[in-house]
Amino acid sequence: MDIRISEAIYKNINCLVMESDRLAITVIPESGGKIQSIFDKAKKKEYLYQSKREEYKKSNYGDNFGEGDTSGFDEVFPSIDTCCYPTGPWAGIQVPDHGEVWAQPWAYSVTENSFLLSVHGVRFPYRMEKKIEFLNDNSFRLSYKAVNLSNFDFDFIWAPHPFFLCETNTRIVLPRSVQKIITSCPLPNKLGAYGTIHTWPVTETSAGEKYDISKVYPKYAGKCEKYYSAEKMEEGWCALRNDASGDIIGLSYPVDKLPYLGVWEGIFGEDYITALEPCTGAMDRLDVAKLWNKAGVVEAKSEYAWYLNLTFDTTRDFHFIDGDGFLH
């Protein structure tokens, strides 16, 4: 497999680009180490939402996520929603909106076939590391490590924040073990108030309407939904599939390290977006996750490691094999 790495400019900001014969991955180290673009060269197709601004809007630490360049694929740690840290010597310290790491510059180095990135906590004593490397021409792996630098256990939520562009026939595909979901969206939506439980994939809204949650379309005015698998996941995979074309975006991961799964759907202008979020903790707020025993923890002077595979394929015979989630 031939891997090519280069420096480039995305709009007005420095970036790194790693390419296989099939995919080009653009990373912005100075803005959260985010993956800004996943571009399919064969199909001439962008998989991640791109802001319509002419220039990239770089955020600062502590900014509101929604006021920044809400595009691409950010990291969320140690909470999604802002809250007061619930435990240990940091109890009562505010966690910024969408956590600390998405708005910070990450240190980075480049090897022959990978990117290595890292960042330190500001209000909390940790280091997060990320490695990006191709597995094959249409699959790449993100390997993560959260290192606790303190003498106290550290509770956290890590969630990926990939804003995947969705076409009309897109469907959310989850393992058969997912029977119920629980909503965490504070905004008005068809799934109801925070904490409402529904059957998956088909449910009934409060208005008595039959609703297939797995169908990304049709849109409705102001659509914004966020929900989690109601129980811990039994299988470490999820996917977006276009029923018309057979195009699939598949995610796979170690379910013992990422036992929860969140799904976010929304509309940015004319673009419809879905984020699949295998995560260490559920319900968006770290304090709530801790209260409900749904938070991850990295023990004192220890580390927590996991990975996330992303595969982009076209097939009507959807399945995972060998535990690694490669689509064939």
C-alpha atoms as a PDB file:
ATOM      1  CA  MET A   1       0.000   0.000   0.000  1.00  0.00           C
ATOM      2  CA  ASP A   2       1.459   3.334  -1.087  1.00  0.00           C
ATOM      3  CA  ILE A   3       1.001   6.089   1.545  1.00  0.00           C
ATOM      4  CA  ARG A   4       1.792   9.724   0.739  1.00  0.00           C
ATOM      5  CA  ILE A   5       2.103  12.474   3.378  1.00  0.00           C
ATOM      6  CA  SER A   6       2.361  16.208   2.716  1.00  0.00           C
ATOM      7  CA  GLU A   7       1.883  19.640   4.257  1.00  0.00           C
ATOM      8  CA  ALA A   8      -0.837  21.858   2.816  1.00  0.00           C
ATOM      9  CA  ILE A   9      -3.185  24.783   3.488  1.00  0.00           C
ATOM     10  CA  TYR A  10      -6.884  24.261   4.205  1.00  0.00           C
ATOM     11  CA  LYS A  11      -8.561  27.576   3.412  1.00  0.00           C
ATOM     12  CA  ASN A  12      -6.340  29.823   5.581  1.00  0.00           C
ATOM     13  CA  ILE A  13      -4.883  27.330   8.088  1.00  0.00           C
ATOM     14  CA  ASN A  14      -1.964  24.903   7.989  1.00  0.00           C
ATOM     15  CA  CYS A  15      -2.795  21.216   7.692  1.00  0.00           C
ATOM     16  CA  LEU A  16      -1.352  17.777   7.058  1.00  0.00           C
ATOM     17  CA  VAL A  17      -2.619  15.408   4.358  1.00  0.00           C
ATOM     18  CA  MET A  18      -2.192  11.624   4.338  1.00  0.00           C
ATOM     19  CA  GLU A  19      -3.270   9.738   1.214  1.00  0.00           C
ATOM     20  CA  SER A  20      -3.804   6.185   0.089  1.00  0.00           C
ATOM     21  CA  ASP A  21      -4.766   5.376  -3.485  1.00  0.00           C
ATOM     22  CA  ARG A  22      -8.415   5.755  -2.442  1.00  0.00           C
ATOM     23  CA  LEU A  23      -8.682   8.281   0.427  1.00  0.00           C
ATOM     24  CA  ALA A  24      -7.147  11.640   1.378  1.00  0.00           C
ATOM     25  CA  ILE A  25      -7.291  12.541   5.092  1.00  0.00           C
ATOM     26  CA  THR A  26      -6.729  16.197   6.063  1.00  0.00           C
ATOM     27  CA  VAL A  27      -5.738  16.978   9.672  1.00  0.00           C
ATOM     28  CA  ILE A  28      -5.427  20.389  11.373  1.00  0.00           C
ATOM     29  CA  PRO A  29      -3.057  20.024  14.364  1.00  0.00           C
ATOM     30  CA  GLU A  30      -3.355  23.632  15.544  1.00  0.00           C
ATOM     31  CA  SER A  31      -7.147  23.402  15.828  1.00  0.00           C
ATOM     32  CA  GLY A  32      -7.924  20.431  18.052  1.00  0.00           C
ATOM     33  CA  GLY A  33      -5.925  17.976  15.964  1.00  0.00           C
ATOM     34  CA  LYS A  34      -9.176  17.525  14.073  1.00  0.00           C
ATOM     35  CA  ILE A  35      -9.704  15.505  10.934  1.00  0.00           C
ATOM     36  CA  GLN A  36     -11.064  18.212   8.689  1.00  0.00           C
ATOM     37  CA  SER A  37     -11.693  16.155   5.569  1.00  0.00           C
ATOM     38  CA  ILE A  38     -12.041  12.545   4.432  1.00  0.00           C
ATOM     39  CA  PHE A  39     -12.104  12.698   0.653  1.00  0.00           C
ATOM     40  CA  ASP A  40     -12.762   9.730  -1.615  1.00  0.00           C
ATOM     41  CA  LYS A  41     -10.567  10.320  -4.659  1.00  0.00           C
ATOM     42  CA  ALA A  42     -12.162   7.558  -6.711  1.00  0.00           C
ATOM     43  CA  LYS A  43     -15.711   8.856  -6.196  1.00  0.00           C
ATOM     44  CA  LYS A  44     -14.713  12.530  -5.884  1.00  0.00           C
ATOM     45  CA  LYS A  45     -16.795  12.596  -2.726  1.00  0.00           C
ATOM     46  CA  GLU A  46     -16.318  14.403   0.608  1.00  0.00           C
ATOM     47  CA  TYR A  47     -17.562  12.414   3.611  1.00  0.00           C
ATOM     48  CA  LEU A  48     -17.361  15.166   6.252  1.00  0.00           C
ATOM     49  CA  TYR A  49     -19.361  18.388   6.473  1.00  0.00           C
ATOM     50  CA  GLN A  50     -17.408  21.479   5.402  1.00  0.00           C
ATOM     51  CA  SER A  51     -18.333  24.976   6.547  1.00  0.00           C
ATOM     52  CA  LYS A  52     -19.424  27.356   3.801  1.00  0.00           C
ATOM     53  CA  ARG A  53     -17.198  30.109   5.233  1.00  0.00           C
ATOM     54  CA  GLU A  54     -14.380  31.221   2.941  1.00  0.00           C
ATOM     55  CA  GLU A  55     -11.929  31.141   5.862  1.00  0.00           C
ATOM     56  CA  TYR A  56     -11.529  28.594   8.638  1.00  0.00           C
ATOM     57  CA  LYS A  57     -12.827  29.933  11.969  1.00  0.00           C
ATOM     58  CA  LYS A  58     -10.387  28.806  14.652  1.00  0.00           C
ATOM     59  CA  SER A  59     -11.776  28.622  18.194  1.00  0.00           C
ATOM     60  CA  ASN A  60     -10.021  29.383  21.475  1.00  0.00           C
ATOM     61  CA  TYR A  61     -10.031  27.362  24.675  1.00  0.00           C
ATOM     62  CA  GLY A  62     -13.361  27.687  26.498  1.00  0.00           C
ATOM     63  CA  ASP A  63     -15.315  28.906  23.461  1.00  0.00           C
ATOM     64  CA  ASN A  64     -18.792  27.635  22.683  1.00  0.00           C
ATOM     65  CA  PHE A  65     -18.501  24.821  20.146  1.00  0.00           C
ATOM     66  CA  GLY A  66     -21.460  25.998  18.069  1.00  0.00           C
ATOM     67  CA  GLU A  67     -19.855  29.395  17.478  1.00  0.00           C
ATOM     68  CA  GLY A  68     -16.722  27.900  15.907  1.00  0.00           C
ATOM     69  CA  ASP A  69     -16.054  26.082  12.659  1.00  0.00           C
ATOM     70  CA  THR A  70     -18.530  23.271  13.224  1.00  0.00           C
ATOM     71  CA  SER A  71     -17.148  21.010  10.542  1.00  0.00           C
ATOM     72  CA  GLY A  72     -15.025  17.909  10.145  1.00  0.00           C
ATOM     73  CA  PHE A  73     -14.264  15.438  12.954  1.00  0.00           C
ATOM     74  CA  ASP A  74     -13.407  16.774  16.430  1.00  0.00           C
ATOM     75  CA  GLU A  75     -12.429  15.034  19.677  1.00  0.00           C
ATOM     76  CA  VAL A  76     -14.663  15.496  22.728  1.00  0.00           C
ATOM     77  CA  PHE A  77     -13.029  15.025  26.171  1.00  0.00           C
ATOM     78  CA  PRO A  78     -13.654  14.877  29.165  1.00  0.00           C
ATOM     79  CA  SER A  79     -17.348  15.822  28.733  1.00  0.00           C
ATOM     80  CA  ILE A  80     -19.604  16.708  25.821  1.00  0.00           C
ATOM     81  CA  ASP A  81     -21.906  19.254  27.445  1.00  0.00           C
ATOM     82  CA  THR A  82     -20.433  21.782  29.822  1.00  0.00           C
ATOM     83  CA  CYS A  83     -20.832  20.851  33.494  1.00  0.00           C
ATOM     84  CA  CYS A  84     -19.055  20.979  36.839  1.00  0.00           C
ATOM     85  CA  TYR A  85     -16.579  18.147  37.270  1.00  0.00           C
ATOM     86  CA  PRO A  86     -18.284  15.717  39.673  1.00  0.00           C
ATOM     87  CA  THR A  87     -15.510  13.958  41.622  1.00  0.00           C
ATOM     88  CA  GLY A  88     -12.080  14.025  43.239  1.00  0.00           C
ATOM     89  CA  PRO A  89      -9.975  17.115  43.887  1.00  0.00           C
ATOM     90  CA  TRP A  90     -11.438  18.741  40.745  1.00  0.00           C
ATOM     91  CA  ALA A  91     -15.070  18.606  41.995  1.00  0.00           C
ATOM     92  CA  GLY A  92     -16.852  21.821  41.050  1.00  0.00           C
ATOM     93  CA  ILE A  93     -14.391  22.906  38.338  1.00  0.00           C
ATOM     94  CA  GLN A  94     -16.224  23.717  35.116  1.00  0.00           C
ATOM     95  CA  VAL A  95     -15.605  21.565  32.059  1.00  0.00           C
ATOM     96  CA  PRO A  96     -15.842  23.760  28.920  1.00  0.00           C
ATOM     97  CA  ASP A  97     -18.446  23.147  26.235  1.00  0.00           C
ATOM     98  CA  HIS A  98     -17.489  19.973  24.303  1.00  0.00           C
ATOM     99  CA  GLY A  99     -14.518  19.542  26.618  1.00  0.00           C
ATOM    100  CA  GLU A 100     -10.958  20.842  26.540  1.00  0.00           C
ATOM    101  CA  VAL A 101      -9.169  19.295  23.593  1.00  0.00           C
ATOM    102  CA  TRP A 102     -11.164  20.331  20.510  1.00  0.00           C
ATOM    103  CA  ALA A 103     -10.116  23.994  20.709  1.00  0.00           C
ATOM    104  CA  GLN A 104      -6.469  23.483  21.674  1.00  0.00           C
ATOM    105  CA  PRO A 105      -3.424  23.159  19.412  1.00  0.00           C
ATOM    106  CA  TRP A 106      -2.009  19.613  19.446  1.00  0.00           C
ATOM    107  CA  ALA A 107       1.679  18.781  19.214  1.00  0.00           C
ATOM    108  CA  TYR A 108       2.418  16.493  16.286  1.00  0.00           C
ATOM    109  CA  SER A 109       5.056  14.486  14.493  1.00  0.00           C
ATOM    110  CA  VAL A 110       5.011  12.631  11.188  1.00  0.00           C
ATOM    111  CA  THR A 111       6.379   9.166  10.504  1.00  0.00           C
ATOM    112  CA  GLU A 112       6.714   7.432   7.171  1.00  0.00           C
ATOM    113  CA  ASN A 113       3.084   6.265   7.243  1.00  0.00           C
ATOM    114  CA  SER A 114       1.280   7.901  10.198  1.00  0.00           C
ATOM    115  CA  PHE A 115       0.499  11.067  12.148  1.00  0.00           C
ATOM    116  CA  LEU A 116       1.176  11.206  15.904  1.00  0.00           C
ATOM    117  CA  LEU A 117      -0.615  13.925  17.895  1.00  0.00           C
ATOM    118  CA  SER A 118      -0.884  14.818  21.589  1.00  0.00           C
ATOM    119  CA  VAL A 119      -2.380  17.429  23.897  1.00  0.00           C
ATOM    120  CA  HIS A 120      -2.411  18.130  27.647  1.00  0.00           C
ATOM    121  CA  GLY A 121      -5.324  19.079  29.869  1.00  0.00           C
ATOM    122  CA  VAL A 122      -5.685  22.679  31.033  1.00  0.00           C
ATOM    123  CA  ARG A 123      -7.879  22.414  34.127  1.00  0.00           C
ATOM    124  CA  PHE A 124      -7.280  18.694  34.588  1.00  0.00           C
ATOM    125  CA  PRO A 125      -4.044  16.623  34.736  1.00  0.00           C
ATOM    126  CA  TYR A 126      -4.020  14.340  31.683  1.00  0.00           C
ATOM    127  CA  ARG A 127      -2.370  13.834  28.330  1.00  0.00           C
ATOM    128  CA  MET A 128      -4.269  12.588  25.294  1.00  0.00           C
ATOM    129  CA  GLU A 129      -2.491  10.916  22.388  1.00  0.00           C
ATOM    130  CA  LYS A 130      -3.762   9.999  18.921  1.00  0.00           C
ATOM    131  CA  LYS A 131      -2.208   8.055  16.062  1.00  0.00           C
ATOM    132  CA  ILE A 132      -3.684   8.083  12.548  1.00  0.00           C
ATOM    133  CA  GLU A 133      -2.686   5.368  10.079  1.00  0.00           C
ATOM    134  CA  PHE A 134      -4.140   3.534   7.097  1.00  0.00           C
ATOM    135  CA  LEU A 135      -5.121  -0.132   7.406  1.00  0.00           C
ATOM    136  CA  ASN A 136      -5.809  -0.482   3.695  1.00  0.00           C
ATOM    137  CA  ASP A 137      -6.747   1.838   0.840  1.00  0.00           C
ATOM    138  CA  ASN A 138     -10.271   2.432   2.130  1.00  0.00           C
ATOM    139  CA  SER A 139      -9.801   1.958   5.908  1.00  0.00           C
ATOM    140  CA  PHE A 140      -7.852   3.841   8.543  1.00  0.00           C
ATOM    141  CA  ARG A 141      -7.383   3.520  12.300  1.00  0.00           C
ATOM    142  CA  LEU A 142      -7.368   6.133  15.039  1.00  0.00           C
ATOM    143  CA  SER A 143      -5.472   4.812  18.079  1.00  0.00           C
ATOM    144  CA  TYR A 144      -6.000   6.744  21.319  1.00  0.00           C
ATOM    145  CA  LYS A 145      -4.484   6.886  24.772  1.00  0.00           C
ATOM    146  CA  ALA A 146      -5.632   8.966  27.760  1.00  0.00           C
ATOM    147  CA  VAL A 147      -2.871   9.207  30.390  1.00  0.00           C
ATOM    148  CA  ASN A 148      -3.813  10.207  33.937  1.00  0.00           C
ATOM    149  CA  LEU A 149      -0.929  12.262  35.359  1.00  0.00           C
ATOM    150  CA  SER A 150      -2.451  12.561  38.849  1.00  0.00           C
ATOM    151  CA  ASN A 151      -2.656  10.432  41.982  1.00  0.00           C
ATOM    152  CA  PHE A 152      -6.460  10.299  41.766  1.00  0.00           C
ATOM    153  CA  ASP A 153      -8.827   8.372  39.484  1.00  0.00           C
ATOM    154  CA  PHE A 154     -10.107  10.515  36.619  1.00  0.00           C
ATOM    155  CA  ASP A 155     -13.696  10.124  35.357  1.00  0.00           C
ATOM    156  CA  PHE A 156     -14.281  11.096  31.743  1.00  0.00           C
ATOM    157  CA  ILE A 157     -16.357  10.907  28.597  1.00  0.00           C
ATOM    158  CA  TRP A 158     -14.526  10.608  25.288  1.00  0.00           C
ATOM    159  CA  ALA A 159     -16.613  10.701  22.144  1.00  0.00           C
ATOM    160  CA  PRO A 160     -15.714  11.127  18.477  1.00  0.00           C
ATOM    161  CA  HIS A 161     -17.524  13.971  16.742  1.00  0.00           C
ATOM    162  CA  PRO A 162     -17.509  13.112  13.004  1.00  0.00           C
ATOM    163  CA  PHE A 163     -20.029  15.176  11.046  1.00  0.00           C
ATOM    164  CA  PHE A 164     -20.841  12.775   8.205  1.00  0.00           C
ATOM    165  CA  LEU A 165     -22.742  14.196   5.237  1.00  0.00           C
ATOM    166  CA  CYS A 166     -25.889  12.164   4.595  1.00  0.00           C
ATOM    167  CA  GLU A 167     -27.788  11.664   1.365  1.00  0.00           C
ATOM    168  CA  THR A 168     -31.495  10.964   0.940  1.00  0.00           C
ATOM    169  CA  ASN A 169     -31.391   7.181   1.254  1.00  0.00           C
ATOM    170  CA  THR A 170     -29.058   7.020   4.259  1.00  0.00           C
ATOM    171  CA  ARG A 171     -29.907   4.623   7.069  1.00  0.00           C
ATOM    172  CA  ILE A 172     -28.280   4.133  10.485  1.00  0.00           C
ATOM    173  CA  VAL A 173     -27.283   0.481  10.904  1.00  0.00           C
ATOM    174  CA  LEU A 174     -26.805  -0.838  14.458  1.00  0.00           C
ATOM    175  CA  PRO A 175     -26.220  -4.355  15.817  1.00  0.00           C
ATOM    176  CA  ARG A 176     -29.295  -6.487  16.497  1.00  0.00           C
ATOM    177  CA  SER A 177     -28.626  -6.352  20.228  1.00  0.00           C
ATOM    178  CA  VAL A 178     -29.685  -2.679  20.253  1.00  0.00           C
ATOM    179  CA  GLN A 179     -33.349  -2.864  21.204  1.00  0.00           C
ATOM    180  CA  LYS A 180     -33.928   0.501  22.897  1.00  0.00           C
ATOM    181  CA  ILE A 181     -32.502   4.000  22.759  1.00  0.00           C
ATOM    182  CA  ILE A 182     -32.701   6.899  25.232  1.00  0.00           C
ATOM    183  CA  THR A 183     -32.793  10.512  24.096  1.00  0.00           C
ATOM    184  CA  SER A 184     -30.400  13.156  25.433  1.00  0.00           C
ATOM    185  CA  CYS A 185     -31.434  16.092  23.238  1.00  0.00           C
ATOM    186  CA  PRO A 186     -32.592  19.191  25.164  1.00  0.00           C
ATOM    187  CA  LEU A 187     -34.214  20.728  22.068  1.00  0.00           C
ATOM    188  CA  PRO A 188     -37.739  19.982  20.770  1.00  0.00           C
ATOM    189  CA  ASN A 189     -37.678  16.886  18.562  1.00  0.00           C
ATOM    190  CA  LYS A 190     -39.793  13.888  17.615  1.00  0.00           C
ATOM    191  CA  LEU A 191     -38.137  11.622  20.188  1.00  0.00           C
ATOM    192  CA  GLY A 192     -39.261  13.796  23.083  1.00  0.00           C
ATOM    193  CA  ALA A 193     -37.687  15.106  26.269  1.00  0.00           C
ATOM    194  CA  TYR A 194     -34.311  14.177  27.729  1.00  0.00           C
ATOM    195  CA  GLY A 195     -34.446  10.651  29.146  1.00  0.00           C
ATOM    196  CA  THR A 196     -37.319   9.400  26.975  1.00  0.00           C
ATOM    197  CA  ILE A 197     -36.869   5.737  26.009  1.00  0.00           C
ATOM    198  CA  HIS A 198     -37.887   4.339  22.603  1.00  0.00           C
ATOM    199  CA  THR A 199     -37.748   0.986  20.864  1.00  0.00           C
ATOM    200  CA  TRP A 200     -35.195   0.710  18.054  1.00  0.00           C
ATOM    201  CA  PRO A 201     -35.478   1.083  15.121  1.00  0.00           C
ATOM    202  CA  VAL A 202     -39.229   1.785  14.915  1.00  0.00           C
ATOM    203  CA  THR A 203     -41.082   3.637  17.638  1.00  0.00           C
ATOM    204  CA  GLU A 204     -44.109   5.840  18.193  1.00  0.00           C
ATOM    205  CA  THR A 205     -43.825   9.565  18.894  1.00  0.00           C
ATOM    206  CA  SER A 206     -45.791  11.390  21.599  1.00  0.00           C
ATOM    207  CA  ALA A 207     -48.167  12.459  18.812  1.00  0.00           C
ATOM    208  CA  GLY A 208     -48.912   8.791  18.031  1.00  0.00           C
ATOM    209  CA  GLU A 209     -46.905   8.841  14.794  1.00  0.00           C
ATOM    210  CA  LYS A 210     -45.007   5.733  13.667  1.00  0.00           C
ATOM    211  CA  TYR A 211     -41.367   6.759  13.354  1.00  0.00           C
ATOM    212  CA  ASP A 212     -38.437   4.801  11.926  1.00  0.00           C
ATOM    213  CA  ILE A 213     -35.520   6.307  13.832  1.00  0.00           C
ATOM    214  CA  SER A 214     -32.937   4.573  11.641  1.00  0.00           C
ATOM    215  CA  LYS A 215     -34.005   6.491   8.521  1.00  0.00           C
ATOM    216  CA  VAL A 216     -32.044   9.716   8.337  1.00  0.00           C
ATOM    217  CA  TYR A 217     -34.616  11.244   5.965  1.00  0.00           C
ATOM    218  CA  PRO A 218     -37.170  12.740   5.635  1.00  0.00           C
ATOM    219  CA  LYS A 219     -36.065  15.963   7.249  1.00  0.00           C
ATOM    220  CA  TYR A 220     -38.421  18.043   9.298  1.00  0.00           C
ATOM    221  CA  ALA A 221     -38.133  21.691  10.265  1.00  0.00           C
ATOM    222  CA  GLY A 222     -35.519  22.220  12.947  1.00  0.00           C
ATOM    223  CA  LYS A 223     -34.636  18.528  13.137  1.00  0.00           C
ATOM    224  CA  CYS A 224     -32.063  17.884  15.851  1.00  0.00           C
ATOM    225  CA  GLU A 225     -31.895  14.526  17.588  1.00  0.00           C
ATOM    226  CA  LYS A 226     -29.393  12.981  19.989  1.00  0.00           C
ATOM    227  CA  TYR A 227     -29.790   9.557  21.555  1.00  0.00           C
ATOM    228  CA  TYR A 228     -27.830   6.655  23.025  1.00  0.00           C
ATOM    229  CA  SER A 229     -28.207   2.925  23.107  1.00  0.00           C
ATOM    230  CA  ALA A 230     -30.127   2.414  26.350  1.00  0.00           C
ATOM    231  CA  GLU A 231     -27.817  -0.395  27.455  1.00  0.00           C
ATOM    232  CA  LYS A 232     -24.126  -1.040  26.997  1.00  0.00           C
ATOM    233  CA  MET A 233     -23.270  -2.240  23.501  1.00  0.00           C
ATOM    234  CA  GLU A 234     -22.596  -5.944  22.979  1.00  0.00           C
ATOM    235  CA  GLU A 235     -20.893  -5.529  19.580  1.00  0.00           C
ATOM    236  CA  GLY A 236     -18.269  -2.978  18.664  1.00  0.00           C
ATOM    237  CA  TRP A 237     -19.575  -1.618  15.376  1.00  0.00           C
ATOM    238  CA  CYS A 238     -22.078   0.751  13.771  1.00  0.00           C
ATOM    239  CA  ALA A 239     -22.546   2.158  10.284  1.00  0.00           C
ATOM    240  CA  LEU A 240     -24.254   4.554   7.908  1.00  0.00           C
ATOM    241  CA  ARG A 241     -25.567   2.926   4.734  1.00  0.00           C
ATOM    242  CA  ASN A 242     -27.113   4.366   1.604  1.00  0.00           C
ATOM    243  CA  ASP A 243     -29.794   1.864   0.609  1.00  0.00           C
ATOM    244  CA  ALA A 244     -29.833   3.101  -2.998  1.00  0.00           C
ATOM    245  CA  SER A 245     -26.112   3.124  -3.801  1.00  0.00           C
ATOM    246  CA  GLY A 246     -24.890   0.596  -1.230  1.00  0.00           C
ATOM    247  CA  ASP A 247     -22.265   3.068   0.024  1.00  0.00           C
ATOM    248  CA  ILE A 248     -21.271   2.361   3.630  1.00  0.00           C
ATOM    249  CA  ILE A 249     -19.359   4.222   6.314  1.00  0.00           C
ATOM    250  CA  GLY A 250     -18.464   1.603   8.914  1.00  0.00           C
ATOM    251  CA  LEU A 251     -17.030   2.195  12.381  1.00  0.00           C
ATOM    252  CA  SER A 252     -15.558  -0.585  14.522  1.00  0.00           C
ATOM    253  CA  TYR A 253     -13.925  -0.471  17.936  1.00  0.00           C
ATOM    254  CA  PRO A 254     -13.223  -2.448  21.154  1.00  0.00           C
ATOM    255  CA  VAL A 255     -16.601  -2.552  22.864  1.00  0.00           C
ATOM    256  CA  ASP A 256     -15.062  -3.167  26.296  1.00  0.00           C
ATOM    257  CA  LYS A 257     -13.341   0.229  26.040  1.00  0.00           C
ATOM    258  CA  LEU A 258     -16.184   2.058  24.239  1.00  0.00           C
ATOM    259  CA  PRO A 259     -19.311   0.442  25.729  1.00  0.00           C
ATOM    260  CA  TYR A 260     -21.822   3.163  24.790  1.00  0.00           C
ATOM    261  CA  LEU A 261     -23.030   4.514  21.464  1.00  0.00           C
ATOM    262  CA  GLY A 262     -24.461   7.944  20.769  1.00  0.00           C
ATOM    263  CA  VAL A 263     -26.061   9.196  17.549  1.00  0.00           C
ATOM    264  CA  TRP A 264     -26.549  12.863  16.649  1.00  0.00           C
ATOM    265  CA  GLU A 265     -28.537  14.171  13.689  1.00  0.00           C
ATOM    266  CA  GLY A 266     -29.012  17.735  12.559  1.00  0.00           C
ATOM    267  CA  ILE A 267     -29.179  20.244   9.724  1.00  0.00           C
ATOM    268  CA  PHE A 268     -26.523  22.860   8.900  1.00  0.00           C
ATOM    269  CA  GLY A 269     -27.971  25.074   6.189  1.00  0.00           C
ATOM    270  CA  GLU A 270     -28.791  22.764   3.297  1.00  0.00           C
ATOM    271  CA  ASP A 271     -26.598  19.926   4.567  1.00  0.00           C
ATOM    272  CA  TYR A 272     -27.916  17.021   6.590  1.00  0.00           C
ATOM    273  CA  ILE A 273     -25.434  15.529   9.060  1.00  0.00           C
ATOM    274  CA  THR A 274     -25.247  12.418  11.230  1.00  0.00           C
ATOM    275  CA  ALA A 275     -22.549  11.696  13.805  1.00  0.00           C
ATOM    276  CA  LEU A 276     -21.936   8.144  15.029  1.00  0.00           C
ATOM    277  CA  GLU A 277     -20.280   8.348  18.455  1.00  0.00           C
ATOM    278  CA  PRO A 278     -18.957   5.169  20.117  1.00  0.00           C
ATOM    279  CA  CYS A 279     -17.943   6.510  23.514  1.00  0.00           C
ATOM    280  CA  THR A 280     -16.655   5.807  27.022  1.00  0.00           C
ATOM    281  CA  GLY A 281     -19.644   7.444  28.724  1.00  0.00           C
ATOM    282  CA  ALA A 282     -23.262   8.280  27.930  1.00  0.00           C
ATOM    283  CA  MET A 283     -25.815  11.080  28.228  1.00  0.00           C
ATOM    284  CA  ASP A 284     -23.510  13.970  27.176  1.00  0.00           C
ATOM    285  CA  ARG A 285     -22.829  15.423  30.655  1.00  0.00           C
ATOM    286  CA  LEU A 286     -20.049  13.907  32.734  1.00  0.00           C
ATOM    287  CA  ASP A 287     -21.835  14.643  36.010  1.00  0.00           C
ATOM    288  CA  VAL A 288     -24.985  12.843  34.811  1.00  0.00           C
ATOM    289  CA  ALA A 289     -22.942   9.964  33.394  1.00  0.00           C
ATOM    290  CA  LYS A 290     -21.186   9.537  36.722  1.00  0.00           C
ATOM    291  CA  LEU A 291     -24.498   9.668  38.618  1.00  0.00           C
ATOM    292  CA  TRP A 292     -25.961   6.967  36.333  1.00  0.00           C
ATOM    293  CA  ASN A 293     -22.768   4.877  36.414  1.00  0.00           C
ATOM    294  CA  LYS A 294     -22.218   5.496  32.689  1.00  0.00           C
ATOM    295  CA  ALA A 295     -18.799   7.219  32.743  1.00  0.00           C
ATOM    296  CA  GLY A 296     -15.342   5.970  31.864  1.00  0.00           C
ATOM    297  CA  VAL A 297     -12.466   6.139  34.328  1.00  0.00           C
ATOM    298  CA  VAL A 298      -8.714   6.142  33.939  1.00  0.00           C
ATOM    299  CA  GLU A 299      -7.109   5.108  37.206  1.00  0.00           C
ATOM    300  CA  ALA A 300      -4.490   7.150  39.061  1.00  0.00           C
ATOM    301  CA  LYS A 301      -1.091   7.261  37.339  1.00  0.00           C
ATOM    302  CA  SER A 302      -2.452   4.951  34.654  1.00  0.00           C
ATOM    303  CA  GLU A 303      -3.681   5.053  31.061  1.00  0.00           C
ATOM    304  CA  TYR A 304      -6.763   4.102  29.045  1.00  0.00           C
ATOM    305  CA  ALA A 305      -6.227   3.016  25.431  1.00  0.00           C
ATOM    306  CA  TRP A 306      -8.672   2.316  22.617  1.00  0.00           C
ATOM    307  CA  TYR A 307      -9.016   2.565  18.824  1.00  0.00           C
ATOM    308  CA  LEU A 308     -11.578   3.428  16.193  1.00  0.00           C
ATOM    309  CA  ASN A 309     -11.520   1.973  12.668  1.00  0.00           C
ATOM    310  CA  LEU A 310     -13.266   3.821   9.841  1.00  0.00           C
ATOM    311  CA  THR A 311     -14.026   1.962   6.606  1.00  0.00           C
ATOM    312  CA  PHE A 312     -15.538   3.424   3.441  1.00  0.00           C
ATOM    313  CA  ASP A 313     -16.922   0.905   0.975  1.00  0.00           C
ATOM    314  CA  THR A 314     -19.655   0.103  -1.511  1.00  0.00           C
ATOM    315  CA  THR A 315     -21.411  -3.206  -0.969  1.00  0.00           C
ATOM    316  CA  ARG A 316     -24.858  -4.645  -0.568  1.00  0.00           C
ATOM    317  CA  ASP A 317     -23.540  -7.546   1.467  1.00  0.00           C
ATOM    318  CA  PHE A 318     -22.894  -5.729   4.724  1.00  0.00           C
ATOM    319  CA  HIS A 319     -21.058  -7.605   7.440  1.00  0.00           C
ATOM    320  CA  PHE A 320     -18.060  -7.447   9.750  1.00  0.00           C
ATOM    321  CA  ILE A 321     -15.426 -10.140  10.022  1.00  0.00           C
ATOM    322  CA  ASP A 322     -12.425 -11.028  12.170  1.00  0.00           C
ATOM    323  CA  GLY A 323     -13.482  -8.611  14.898  1.00  0.00           C
ATOM    324  CA  ASP A 324     -11.778  -5.715  13.095  1.00  0.00           C
ATOM    325  CA  GLY A 325     -14.794  -4.387  11.276  1.00  0.00           C
ATOM    326  CA  PHE A 326     -13.480  -4.513   7.722  1.00  0.00           C
ATOM    327  CA  LEU A 327     -16.281  -4.327   5.215  1.00  0.00           C
ATOM    328  CA  HIS A 328     -16.273  -6.769   2.284  1.00  0.00           C
END
